[in-house]
C-alpha atoms as a PDB file:
ATOM      1  CA  MET A   1     -91.654  12.779  19.568  1.00  0.00           C
ATOM      2  CA  ALA A   2     -93.008  15.039  21.922  1.00  0.00           C
ATOM      3  CA  TYR A   3     -95.630  14.039  24.210  1.00  0.00           C
ATOM      4  CA  PRO A   4     -98.411  16.555  25.209  1.00  0.00           C
ATOM      5  CA  ALA A   5     -98.522  17.432  28.413  1.00  0.00           C
ATOM      6  CA  ARG A   6    -101.923  15.206  29.582  1.00  0.00           C
ATOM      7  CA  HIS A   7     -99.804  12.153  28.387  1.00  0.00           C
ATOM      8  CA  PHE A   8     -97.196  13.120  30.766  1.00  0.00           C
ATOM      9  CA  LEU A   9     -98.674  13.592  33.271  1.00  0.00           C
ATOM     10  CA  SER A  10    -101.144  10.728  33.194  1.00  0.00           C
ATOM     11  CA  GLY A  11     -97.600   8.444  33.139  1.00  0.00           C
ATOM     12  CA  ARG A  12     -96.014  10.100  36.136  1.00  0.00           C
ATOM     13  CA  ARG A  13     -99.454   9.278  37.894  1.00  0.00           C
ATOM     14  CA  ARG A  14     -99.341   5.598  36.645  1.00  0.00           C
ATOM     15  CA  LEU A  15     -95.706   5.377  37.927  1.00  0.00           C
ATOM     16  CA  LEU A  16     -96.574   7.143  41.443  1.00  0.00           C
ATOM     17  CA  ALA A  17     -99.219   4.289  41.575  1.00  0.00           C
ATOM     18  CA  VAL A  18     -97.529   1.521  41.285  1.00  0.00           C
ATOM     19  CA  ALA A  19     -94.241   2.449  43.583  1.00  0.00           C
ATOM     20  CA  ALA A  20     -97.604   3.130  46.038  1.00  0.00           C
ATOM     21  CA  SER A  21     -98.812  -0.246  45.504  1.00  0.00           C
ATOM     22  CA  ALA A  22     -94.779  -1.519  45.932  1.00  0.00           C
ATOM     23  CA  ALA A  23     -94.921  -0.117  49.082  1.00  0.00           C
ATOM     24  CA  ALA A  24     -97.955  -1.332  50.168  1.00  0.00           C
ATOM     25  CA  VAL A  25     -97.355  -4.706  49.594  1.00  0.00           C
ATOM     26  CA  GLN A  26     -93.929  -4.096  51.464  1.00  0.00           C
ATOM     27  CA  LEU A  27     -95.764  -3.173  54.269  1.00  0.00           C
ATOM     28  CA  ILE A  28     -98.239  -5.862  54.919  1.00  0.00           C
ATOM     29  CA  ALA A  29     -95.173  -8.382  54.026  1.00  0.00           C
ATOM     30  CA  GLN A  30     -93.424  -7.299  57.281  1.00  0.00           C
ATOM     31  CA  PRO A  31     -94.206  -8.932  60.414  1.00  0.00           C
ATOM     32  CA  ALA A  32     -95.855  -7.236  62.809  1.00  0.00           C
ATOM     33  CA  ARG A  33     -94.119  -6.786  65.992  1.00  0.00           C
ATOM     34  CA  ALA A  34     -95.612  -9.026  68.521  1.00  0.00           C
ATOM     35  CA  ARG A  35     -97.528  -7.170  71.064  1.00  0.00           C
ATOM     36  CA  ALA A  36     -96.090  -7.707  75.048  1.00  0.00           C
ATOM     37  CA  GLU A  37     -98.676  -9.698  77.666  1.00  0.00           C
ATOM     38  CA  VAL A  38     -98.188 -10.297  80.692  1.00  0.00           C
ATOM     39  CA  PRO A  39    -100.127 -14.261  81.183  1.00  0.00           C
ATOM     40  CA  ALA A  40    -102.228 -14.175  84.179  1.00  0.00           C
ATOM     41  CA  SER A  41    -100.762 -17.398  85.338  1.00  0.00           C
ATOM     42  CA  LEU A  42     -97.391 -15.614  85.760  1.00  0.00           C
ATOM     43  CA  VAL A  43     -98.554 -13.370  88.883  1.00  0.00           C
ATOM     44  CA  ARG A  44     -98.117 -15.752  91.564  1.00  0.00           C
ATOM     45  CA  GLY A  45     -94.912 -16.201  93.489  1.00  0.00           C
ATOM     46  CA  ALA A  46     -93.255 -12.604  94.469  1.00  0.00           C
ATOM     47  CA  MET A  47     -95.403 -11.036  91.558  1.00  0.00           C
ATOM     48  CA  LYS A  48     -98.947 -12.592  92.838  1.00  0.00           C
ATOM     49  CA  ARG A  49     -99.868  -8.428  93.739  1.00  0.00           C
ATOM     50  CA  PHE A  50     -98.946  -7.840  90.026  1.00  0.00           C
ATOM     51  CA  LYS A  51    -101.733  -6.013  89.463  1.00  0.00           C
ATOM     52  CA  VAL A  52    -102.260  -6.797  84.686  1.00  0.00           C
ATOM     53  CA  THR A  53    -103.031  -3.744  83.483  1.00  0.00           C
ATOM     54  CA  ASN A  54    -105.725  -5.330  80.444  1.00  0.00           C
ATOM     55  CA  PRO A  55    -105.989  -3.900  78.374  1.00  0.00           C
ATOM     56  CA  ALA A  56    -102.496  -1.820  78.675  1.00  0.00           C
ATOM     57  CA  LYS A  57    -102.922   1.475  78.631  1.00  0.00           C
ATOM     58  CA  PRO A  58    -100.361   4.215  77.037  1.00  0.00           C
ATOM     59  CA  VAL A  59     -98.575   5.537  80.297  1.00  0.00           C
ATOM     60  CA  PRO A  60     -98.076   9.474  80.019  1.00  0.00           C
ATOM     61  CA  ASP A  61     -94.526  10.431  78.485  1.00  0.00           C
ATOM     62  CA  LEU A  62     -93.069  11.377  81.683  1.00  0.00           C
ATOM     63  CA  GLU A  63     -90.284  14.118  82.069  1.00  0.00           C
ATOM     64  CA  PHE A  64     -87.449  12.976  84.357  1.00  0.00           C
ATOM     65  CA  LEU A  65     -83.834  13.650  84.978  1.00  0.00           C
ATOM     66  CA  ASN A  66     -80.602  11.916  84.663  1.00  0.00           C
ATOM     67  CA  ALA A  67     -77.794  12.015  86.912  1.00  0.00           C
ATOM     68  CA  ALA A  68     -76.543  15.284  85.360  1.00  0.00           C
ATOM     69  CA  ASP A  69     -79.754  16.761  85.682  1.00  0.00           C
ATOM     70  CA  HIS A  70     -79.997  16.718  82.545  1.00  0.00           C
ATOM     71  CA  PRO A  71     -84.251  16.217  81.449  1.00  0.00           C
ATOM     72  CA  MET A  72     -84.849  12.989  80.222  1.00  0.00           C
ATOM     73  CA  ARG A  73     -89.067  11.209  78.693  1.00  0.00           C
ATOM     74  CA  LEU A  74     -89.639   7.813  78.545  1.00  0.00           C
ATOM     75  CA  ALA A  75     -90.588   8.293  75.224  1.00  0.00           C
ATOM     76  CA  ASP A  76     -86.432   8.779  74.718  1.00  0.00           C
ATOM     77  CA  LEU A  77     -86.597   5.278  75.531  1.00  0.00           C
ATOM     78  CA  ALA A  78     -89.552   4.024  73.662  1.00  0.00           C
ATOM     79  CA  GLY A  79     -88.134   0.436  72.089  1.00  0.00           C
ATOM     80  CA  ARG A  80     -86.908  -1.020  75.397  1.00  0.00           C
ATOM     81  CA  VAL A  81     -89.366  -2.928  78.335  1.00  0.00           C
ATOM     82  CA  ARG A  82     -88.967  -0.309  80.904  1.00  0.00           C
ATOM     83  CA  LEU A  83     -89.576  -1.122  84.769  1.00  0.00           C
ATOM     84  CA  ILE A  84     -90.833   2.451  86.219  1.00  0.00           C
ATOM     85  CA  ASN A  85     -89.269   1.876  90.224  1.00  0.00           C
ATOM     86  CA  LEU A  86     -90.773   4.994  92.030  1.00  0.00           C
ATOM     87  CA  TRP A  87     -89.151   5.401  95.078  1.00  0.00           C
ATOM     88  CA  ALA A  88     -87.384   7.722  97.881  1.00  0.00           C
ATOM     89  CA  THR A  89     -83.589   6.904 100.522  1.00  0.00           C
ATOM     90  CA  TRP A  90     -86.522   7.504 103.109  1.00  0.00           C
ATOM     91  CA  CYS A  91     -88.842   4.949 102.381  1.00  0.00           C
ATOM     92  CA  ALA A  92     -87.165   1.692 103.671  1.00  0.00           C
ATOM     93  CA  PRO A  93     -89.570  -0.336 101.537  1.00  0.00           C
ATOM     94  CA  CYS A  94     -87.394   1.065  98.516  1.00  0.00           C
ATOM     95  CA  VAL A  95     -84.464   0.702  99.661  1.00  0.00           C
ATOM     96  CA  SER A  96     -85.155  -3.349 100.628  1.00  0.00           C
ATOM     97  CA  GLU A  97     -85.421  -3.946  96.923  1.00  0.00           C
ATOM     98  CA  MET A  98     -83.498  -1.669  95.222  1.00  0.00           C
ATOM     99  CA  PRO A  99     -80.386  -4.489  94.860  1.00  0.00           C
ATOM    100  CA  SER A 100     -82.714  -6.974  93.634  1.00  0.00           C
ATOM    101  CA  LEU A 101     -83.932  -4.963  91.061  1.00  0.00           C
ATOM    102  CA  ASN A 102     -79.826  -4.179  90.262  1.00  0.00           C
ATOM    103  CA  ARG A 103     -79.657  -7.799  89.762  1.00  0.00           C
ATOM    104  CA  LEU A 104     -82.579  -8.044  88.043  1.00  0.00           C
ATOM    105  CA  GLN A 105     -80.892  -5.130  85.869  1.00  0.00           C
ATOM    106  CA  ALA A 106     -77.407  -7.079  85.906  1.00  0.00           C
ATOM    107  CA  MET A 107     -79.542  -9.800  84.375  1.00  0.00           C
ATOM    108  CA  LEU A 108     -80.706  -8.834  80.746  1.00  0.00           C
ATOM    109  CA  PRO A 109     -79.499  -6.583  78.489  1.00  0.00           C
ATOM    110  CA  LYS A 110     -79.998  -2.549  78.335  1.00  0.00           C
ATOM    111  CA  ASP A 111     -81.195  -2.141  74.836  1.00  0.00           C
ATOM    112  CA  ARG A 112     -84.041  -4.297  75.661  1.00  0.00           C
ATOM    113  CA  PHE A 113     -85.031  -3.930  79.462  1.00  0.00           C
ATOM    114  CA  ILE A 114     -84.587  -1.102  81.486  1.00  0.00           C
ATOM    115  CA  VAL A 115     -84.967  -0.340  85.064  1.00  0.00           C
ATOM    116  CA  LEU A 116     -86.009   3.105  85.754  1.00  0.00           C
ATOM    117  CA  ALA A 117     -85.231   3.278  90.040  1.00  0.00           C
ATOM    118  CA  ILE A 118     -86.713   7.667  89.758  1.00  0.00           C
ATOM    119  CA  SER A 119     -86.174   8.913  92.959  1.00  0.00           C
ATOM    120  CA  LEU A 120     -88.305  10.782  94.786  1.00  0.00           C
ATOM    121  CA  ASP A 121     -85.780  12.634  97.497  1.00  0.00           C
ATOM    122  CA  GLY A 122     -85.989  16.033  97.136  1.00  0.00           C
ATOM    123  CA  PRO A 123     -84.035  17.521  99.803  1.00  0.00           C
ATOM    124  CA  SER A 124     -82.629  14.515 100.568  1.00  0.00           C
ATOM    125  CA  LYS A 125     -81.557  14.030  96.561  1.00  0.00           C
ATOM    126  CA  PRO A 126     -78.045  14.846  97.832  1.00  0.00           C
ATOM    127  CA  LYS A 127     -77.843  11.060  99.466  1.00  0.00           C
ATOM    128  CA  VAL A 128     -79.220   9.029  96.491  1.00  0.00           C
ATOM    129  CA  ALA A 129     -75.495   8.705  95.347  1.00  0.00           C
ATOM    130  CA  PRO A 130     -73.666   8.251  98.132  1.00  0.00           C
ATOM    131  CA  PHE A 131     -76.605   4.942  98.878  1.00  0.00           C
ATOM    132  CA  TYR A 132     -76.005   4.024  95.090  1.00  0.00           C
ATOM    133  CA  ARG A 133     -71.964   3.971  96.501  1.00  0.00           C
ATOM    134  CA  ASP A 134     -72.656   1.577  99.575  1.00  0.00           C
ATOM    135  CA  GLN A 135     -75.089  -0.516  98.277  1.00  0.00           C
ATOM    136  CA  ASP A 136     -73.118  -1.598  95.127  1.00  0.00           C
ATOM    137  CA  LEU A 137     -75.821  -0.676  92.740  1.00  0.00           C
ATOM    138  CA  ASP A 138     -73.931  -0.092  89.788  1.00  0.00           C
ATOM    139  CA  HIS A 139     -76.391  -1.669  87.386  1.00  0.00           C
ATOM    140  CA  LEU A 140     -78.540   0.864  87.369  1.00  0.00           C
ATOM    141  CA  GLY A 141     -79.084   4.636  86.293  1.00  0.00           C
ATOM    142  CA  ILE A 142     -79.664   7.690  88.444  1.00  0.00           C
ATOM    143  CA  TYR A 143     -82.458   9.302  87.721  1.00  0.00           C
ATOM    144  CA  TYR A 144     -85.012  12.226  89.389  1.00  0.00           C
ATOM    145  CA  ASP A 145     -88.449  13.423  89.345  1.00  0.00           C
ATOM    146  CA  LYS A 146     -88.574  16.309  87.579  1.00  0.00           C
ATOM    147  CA  GLY A 147     -90.999  19.014  89.493  1.00  0.00           C
ATOM    148  CA  LYS A 148     -92.308  16.634  91.648  1.00  0.00           C
ATOM    149  CA  LYS A 149     -94.295  15.164  88.771  1.00  0.00           C
ATOM    150  CA  ALA A 150     -93.669  10.877  88.509  1.00  0.00           C
ATOM    151  CA  MET A 151     -96.714  10.741  91.159  1.00  0.00           C
ATOM    152  CA  SER A 152     -99.456  11.957  90.023  1.00  0.00           C
ATOM    153  CA  THR A 153     -98.343  11.604  86.035  1.00  0.00           C
ATOM    154  CA  LEU A 154     -98.347   8.329  86.981  1.00  0.00           C
ATOM    155  CA  GLY A 155    -101.272   7.567  89.428  1.00  0.00           C
ATOM    156  CA  VAL A 156     -99.149   6.637  91.745  1.00  0.00           C
ATOM    157  CA  THR A 157    -100.000   7.086  95.651  1.00  0.00           C
ATOM    158  CA  LEU A 158     -98.127   4.263  97.704  1.00  0.00           C
ATOM    159  CA  LEU A 159     -94.606   4.191  97.737  1.00  0.00           C
ATOM    160  CA  PRO A 160     -92.556   1.939  96.392  1.00  0.00           C
ATOM    161  CA  THR A 161     -94.191   1.303  92.976  1.00  0.00           C
ATOM    162  CA  SER A 162     -92.941  -0.580  89.761  1.00  0.00           C
ATOM    163  CA  ILE A 163     -94.892  -0.005  86.830  1.00  0.00           C
ATOM    164  CA  LEU A 164     -93.697  -2.616  83.899  1.00  0.00           C
ATOM    165  CA  VAL A 165     -94.010  -1.029  80.417  1.00  0.00           C
ATOM    166  CA  ASP A 166     -93.897  -2.567  76.904  1.00  0.00           C
ATOM    167  CA  PRO A 167     -91.400  -1.469  74.692  1.00  0.00           C
ATOM    168  CA  ASP A 168     -94.607   0.406  72.738  1.00  0.00           C
ATOM    169  CA  GLY A 169     -94.914   2.665  75.443  1.00  0.00           C
ATOM    170  CA  ARG A 170     -98.216   1.007  77.636  1.00  0.00           C
ATOM    171  CA  GLU A 171     -98.688  -0.538  80.946  1.00  0.00           C
ATOM    172  CA  LEU A 172     -98.927  -4.076  81.439  1.00  0.00           C
ATOM    173  CA  GLY A 173     -99.308  -3.939  84.839  1.00  0.00           C
ATOM    174  CA  ARG A 174     -98.239  -3.317  88.148  1.00  0.00           C
ATOM    175  CA  ILE A 175     -97.144  -3.849  91.748  1.00  0.00           C
ATOM    176  CA  GLU A 176     -97.191  -1.908  94.567  1.00  0.00           C
ATOM    177  CA  GLY A 177     -94.450  -2.229  97.821  1.00  0.00           C
ATOM    178  CA  ASP A 178     -91.684  -3.895  97.834  1.00  0.00           C
ATOM    179  CA  ALA A 179     -90.241  -7.110  95.883  1.00  0.00           C
ATOM    180  CA  ASP A 180     -88.391  -9.875  95.493  1.00  0.00           C
ATOM    181  CA  TRP A 181     -86.984  -8.760  91.463  1.00  0.00           C
ATOM    182  CA  ASP A 182     -84.676 -11.345  90.889  1.00  0.00           C
ATOM    183  CA  ALA A 183     -86.613 -14.489  91.970  1.00  0.00           C
ATOM    184  CA  PRO A 184     -87.914 -16.587  88.949  1.00  0.00           C
ATOM    185  CA  GLU A 185     -91.657 -15.542  88.524  1.00  0.00           C
ATOM    186  CA  SER A 186     -90.480 -11.262  88.269  1.00  0.00           C
ATOM    187  CA  ILE A 187     -87.914 -12.747  85.732  1.00  0.00           C
ATOM    188  CA  ALA A 188     -90.529 -14.858  83.914  1.00  0.00           C
ATOM    189  CA  LEU A 189     -93.322 -11.831  83.840  1.00  0.00           C
ATOM    190  CA  VAL A 190     -90.510  -9.433  82.887  1.00  0.00           C
ATOM    191  CA  LYS A 191     -89.353 -11.757  79.740  1.00  0.00           C
ATOM    192  CA  ALA A 192     -92.738 -12.241  78.574  1.00  0.00           C
ATOM    193  CA  ALA A 193     -93.007  -8.327  78.737  1.00  0.00           C
ATOM    194  CA  LEU A 194     -90.088  -8.297  76.706  1.00  0.00           C
ATOM    195  CA  GLY A 195     -92.443 -10.732  74.195  1.00  0.00           C
ATOM    196  CA  ASN A 196     -89.629 -13.410  72.935  1.00  0.00           C
ATOM    197  CA  GLY A 197     -88.324 -15.252  76.439  1.00  0.00           C
ATOM    198  CA  GLY A 198     -85.303 -12.544  77.299  1.00  0.00           C
END
């Protein structure tokens, strides 16, 4: 038996409506990822200078270079907590905190957390890789500022500055000056950003 086109279309519309309803129910049923945050109680000890960004705000999609001079963007690492650290080999406080950043990275899985130590060395860029070797910074990747834009893009005025970014690309807070990144307070703060104790 043949059906008029209007019957076919109305039946097809009903099927599409049912499918859309089922998809909506499935989306509602899925638990949303909990928003990471840094409780004020963690801003103490080694992290007493950490300034919580409240409310958390989206971080610009900074472009930088990896060790092979290939361009990367912050968005390439979405889904991970990122600790952006702007530093340079000619900056004494920057140099002093790099070993603790290396130890912090060693403690946490790179598929969930990454230290982005972005060098602002510019003309002294050839010194970065030898510095990593001399300091045994074997858990940190080498990254470089592209076009001297990192400080202005991220609103940084002092080196070193570290910015904690959640998996959704929002700034949770920042600290100006060097810090002891493998101190218990620092580890607790990063684990809070991971959202479930690490």
